[in-house]
Amino acid sequence: MKGFVDESLRALLRAPLSASRAGSRTDMVVWIDTAFNGGLAIPRKQVSELGLVKESSAEAILADGRSVELETFACFVDWFGDCYETQAAASEGEYPLLGTMFLDGRRLDINYAAKTVELT
């Protein structure tokens, strides 16, 4: 899977997402966040646009140490040839985040000089 480094030095990939296993996919550009040990955090506006269905809520510890309650939504992701069902946390952030749960067992190469990202 190939991605890119943008002008703000964010490592980005395209992840095809849907609200259902058989639903049409929307390519979402996600920011790889190696400090986030979850799967996906999606801004509320995009949660609504995708039509994701609320499942539950979960407690999360933010980078600044604060504990917050986040709503979680059912989400389907095409990931290395498989359809993966996961829960996406609704965030107040500006960008969708891809956490280390999706990086586990993979190799991530980010070349800032060439502005390339490769996940294998």
C-alpha atoms as a PDB file:
ATOM      1  CA  MET A   1       0.000   0.000   0.000  1.00  0.00           C
ATOM      2  CA  LYS A   2       1.473   3.321  -1.057  1.00  0.00           C
ATOM      3  CA  GLY A   3       0.841   6.736   0.404  1.00  0.00           C
ATOM      4  CA  PHE A   4       2.506  10.114   0.528  1.00  0.00           C
ATOM      5  CA  VAL A   5       3.921  12.778   2.831  1.00  0.00           C
ATOM      6  CA  ASP A   6       2.077  16.079   2.470  1.00  0.00           C
ATOM      7  CA  GLU A   7       3.373  19.652   2.733  1.00  0.00           C
ATOM      8  CA  SER A   8       2.724  19.603   6.510  1.00  0.00           C
ATOM      9  CA  LEU A   9       4.905  16.459   6.815  1.00  0.00           C
ATOM     10  CA  ARG A  10       1.966  14.165   7.632  1.00  0.00           C
ATOM     11  CA  ALA A  11       2.354  10.525   6.514  1.00  0.00           C
ATOM     12  CA  LEU A  12      -0.911   9.708   4.715  1.00  0.00           C
ATOM     13  CA  LEU A  13      -2.595   6.657   3.179  1.00  0.00           C
ATOM     14  CA  ARG A  14      -5.902   6.119   1.389  1.00  0.00           C
ATOM     15  CA  ALA A  15      -8.210   3.693   3.190  1.00  0.00           C
ATOM     16  CA  PRO A  16     -11.465   2.525   1.537  1.00  0.00           C
ATOM     17  CA  LEU A  17     -14.212   2.752   4.216  1.00  0.00           C
ATOM     18  CA  SER A  18     -17.908   1.900   4.361  1.00  0.00           C
ATOM     19  CA  ALA A  19     -20.787   1.694   6.828  1.00  0.00           C
ATOM     20  CA  SER A  20     -21.513  -1.914   5.801  1.00  0.00           C
ATOM     21  CA  ARG A  21     -19.659  -4.932   4.445  1.00  0.00           C
ATOM     22  CA  ALA A  22     -21.476  -4.737   1.088  1.00  0.00           C
ATOM     23  CA  GLY A  23     -21.715  -0.930   0.943  1.00  0.00           C
ATOM     24  CA  SER A  24     -19.879   1.231  -1.541  1.00  0.00           C
ATOM     25  CA  ARG A  25     -16.478   2.337  -0.315  1.00  0.00           C
ATOM     26  CA  THR A  26     -15.295   5.894   0.181  1.00  0.00           C
ATOM     27  CA  ASP A  27     -11.558   6.451  -0.136  1.00  0.00           C
ATOM     28  CA  MET A  28     -10.574   8.387   2.958  1.00  0.00           C
ATOM     29  CA  VAL A  29      -7.118   9.898   3.337  1.00  0.00           C
ATOM     30  CA  VAL A  30      -5.938   8.951   6.838  1.00  0.00           C
ATOM     31  CA  TRP A  31      -3.036  10.327   8.845  1.00  0.00           C
ATOM     32  CA  ILE A  32      -0.795   7.591  10.244  1.00  0.00           C
ATOM     33  CA  ASP A  33      -0.559   8.223  13.988  1.00  0.00           C
ATOM     34  CA  THR A  34       2.014   5.957  15.639  1.00  0.00           C
ATOM     35  CA  ALA A  35       1.147   7.438  19.055  1.00  0.00           C
ATOM     36  CA  PHE A  36      -2.450   6.153  18.706  1.00  0.00           C
ATOM     37  CA  ASN A  37      -2.707   2.476  19.633  1.00  0.00           C
ATOM     38  CA  GLY A  38      -6.304   2.142  18.416  1.00  0.00           C
ATOM     39  CA  GLY A  39      -7.586   1.549  14.911  1.00  0.00           C
ATOM     40  CA  LEU A  40      -9.400   4.551  13.477  1.00  0.00           C
ATOM     41  CA  ALA A  41     -10.446   7.949  14.769  1.00  0.00           C
ATOM     42  CA  ILE A  42     -12.704   9.797  12.337  1.00  0.00           C
ATOM     43  CA  PRO A  43     -13.898  13.404  12.638  1.00  0.00           C
ATOM     44  CA  ARG A  44     -17.621  13.613  13.457  1.00  0.00           C
ATOM     45  CA  LYS A  45     -18.431  15.327  10.166  1.00  0.00           C
ATOM     46  CA  GLN A  46     -16.971  12.411   8.208  1.00  0.00           C
ATOM     47  CA  VAL A  47     -18.679   9.853  10.493  1.00  0.00           C
ATOM     48  CA  SER A  48     -21.962  11.476   9.467  1.00  0.00           C
ATOM     49  CA  GLU A  49     -21.026  11.673   5.774  1.00  0.00           C
ATOM     50  CA  LEU A  50     -20.159   7.940   5.748  1.00  0.00           C
ATOM     51  CA  GLY A  51     -23.424   7.073   7.506  1.00  0.00           C
ATOM     52  CA  LEU A  52     -21.665   5.050  10.203  1.00  0.00           C
ATOM     53  CA  VAL A  53     -23.905   3.458  12.846  1.00  0.00           C
ATOM     54  CA  LYS A  54     -23.165   4.109  16.525  1.00  0.00           C
ATOM     55  CA  GLU A  55     -22.216   0.989  18.469  1.00  0.00           C
ATOM     56  CA  SER A  56     -21.072   2.105  21.893  1.00  0.00           C
ATOM     57  CA  SER A  57     -18.646   4.362  23.660  1.00  0.00           C
ATOM     58  CA  ALA A  58     -15.180   3.758  25.034  1.00  0.00           C
ATOM     59  CA  GLU A  59     -12.840   5.475  27.436  1.00  0.00           C
ATOM     60  CA  ALA A  60      -9.655   6.824  25.873  1.00  0.00           C
ATOM     61  CA  ILE A  61      -6.537   8.493  27.237  1.00  0.00           C
ATOM     62  CA  LEU A  62      -5.439  11.411  25.077  1.00  0.00           C
ATOM     63  CA  ALA A  63      -1.826  12.370  24.367  1.00  0.00           C
ATOM     64  CA  ASP A  64      -2.053  15.103  27.010  1.00  0.00           C
ATOM     65  CA  GLY A  65      -3.085  12.516  29.637  1.00  0.00           C
ATOM     66  CA  ARG A  66      -6.772  13.472  29.798  1.00  0.00           C
ATOM     67  CA  SER A  67      -9.330  10.673  29.992  1.00  0.00           C
ATOM     68  CA  VAL A  68     -12.337  11.105  27.680  1.00  0.00           C
ATOM     69  CA  GLU A  69     -15.374   9.101  26.618  1.00  0.00           C
ATOM     70  CA  LEU A  70     -15.554   8.600  22.836  1.00  0.00           C
ATOM     71  CA  GLU A  71     -18.500   7.335  20.820  1.00  0.00           C
ATOM     72  CA  THR A  72     -17.628   4.391  18.587  1.00  0.00           C
ATOM     73  CA  PHE A  73     -19.169   3.493  15.238  1.00  0.00           C
ATOM     74  CA  ALA A  74     -19.214   0.333  13.116  1.00  0.00           C
ATOM     75  CA  CYS A  75     -16.924   0.684  10.141  1.00  0.00           C
ATOM     76  CA  PHE A  76     -15.686  -1.618   7.371  1.00  0.00           C
ATOM     77  CA  VAL A  77     -12.223  -1.121   5.889  1.00  0.00           C
ATOM     78  CA  ASP A  78     -10.677  -2.792   2.845  1.00  0.00           C
ATOM     79  CA  TRP A  79      -7.243  -3.704   4.159  1.00  0.00           C
ATOM     80  CA  PHE A  80      -4.687  -5.690   2.173  1.00  0.00           C
ATOM     81  CA  GLY A  81      -7.324  -7.594   0.212  1.00  0.00           C
ATOM     82  CA  ASP A  82      -9.685  -8.318   3.100  1.00  0.00           C
ATOM     83  CA  CYS A  83     -12.746  -6.526   4.418  1.00  0.00           C
ATOM     84  CA  TYR A  84     -12.008  -5.744   8.048  1.00  0.00           C
ATOM     85  CA  GLU A  85     -14.795  -4.838  10.484  1.00  0.00           C
ATOM     86  CA  THR A  86     -13.743  -2.434  13.201  1.00  0.00           C
ATOM     87  CA  GLN A  87     -15.004   0.309  15.462  1.00  0.00           C
ATOM     88  CA  ALA A  88     -14.052   3.868  14.605  1.00  0.00           C
ATOM     89  CA  ALA A  89     -13.953   6.450  17.372  1.00  0.00           C
ATOM     90  CA  ALA A  90     -15.632   9.769  16.582  1.00  0.00           C
ATOM     91  CA  SER A  91     -13.139  12.556  17.148  1.00  0.00           C
ATOM     92  CA  GLU A  92     -13.205  16.312  17.415  1.00  0.00           C
ATOM     93  CA  GLY A  93     -10.056  16.462  15.298  1.00  0.00           C
ATOM     94  CA  GLU A  94      -9.699  17.766  11.787  1.00  0.00           C
ATOM     95  CA  TYR A  95      -8.142  14.647  10.216  1.00  0.00           C
ATOM     96  CA  PRO A  96      -8.956  10.915  10.274  1.00  0.00           C
ATOM     97  CA  LEU A  97      -6.261   9.005  12.166  1.00  0.00           C
ATOM     98  CA  LEU A  98      -5.007   5.486  11.498  1.00  0.00           C
ATOM     99  CA  GLY A  99      -3.549   3.903  14.616  1.00  0.00           C
ATOM    100  CA  THR A 100      -1.033   1.173  15.286  1.00  0.00           C
ATOM    101  CA  MET A 101      -3.727  -1.521  15.469  1.00  0.00           C
ATOM    102  CA  PHE A 102      -3.715  -1.398  11.646  1.00  0.00           C
ATOM    103  CA  LEU A 103       0.092  -1.340  11.511  1.00  0.00           C
ATOM    104  CA  ASP A 104       0.616  -4.451  13.651  1.00  0.00           C
ATOM    105  CA  GLY A 105       2.426  -7.130  11.656  1.00  0.00           C
ATOM    106  CA  ARG A 106       3.216  -4.680   8.849  1.00  0.00           C
ATOM    107  CA  ARG A 107       6.284  -2.739   7.800  1.00  0.00           C
ATOM    108  CA  LEU A 108       5.922   1.037   7.560  1.00  0.00           C
ATOM    109  CA  ASP A 109       8.479   3.010   5.541  1.00  0.00           C
ATOM    110  CA  ILE A 110       8.234   6.791   5.467  1.00  0.00           C
ATOM    111  CA  ASN A 111      10.718   8.628   3.253  1.00  0.00           C
ATOM    112  CA  TYR A 112      10.448  12.324   4.003  1.00  0.00           C
ATOM    113  CA  ALA A 113      13.033  13.253   1.353  1.00  0.00           C
ATOM    114  CA  ALA A 114      11.039  11.528  -1.398  1.00  0.00           C
ATOM    115  CA  LYS A 115       7.638  12.312   0.248  1.00  0.00           C
ATOM    116  CA  THR A 116       6.615   8.645   0.033  1.00  0.00           C
ATOM    117  CA  VAL A 117       4.890   6.214   2.403  1.00  0.00           C
ATOM    118  CA  GLU A 118       4.840   2.459   1.936  1.00  0.00           C
ATOM    119  CA  LEU A 119       3.034  -0.037   4.129  1.00  0.00           C
ATOM    120  CA  THR A 120       3.664  -3.712   3.416  1.00  0.00           C
END
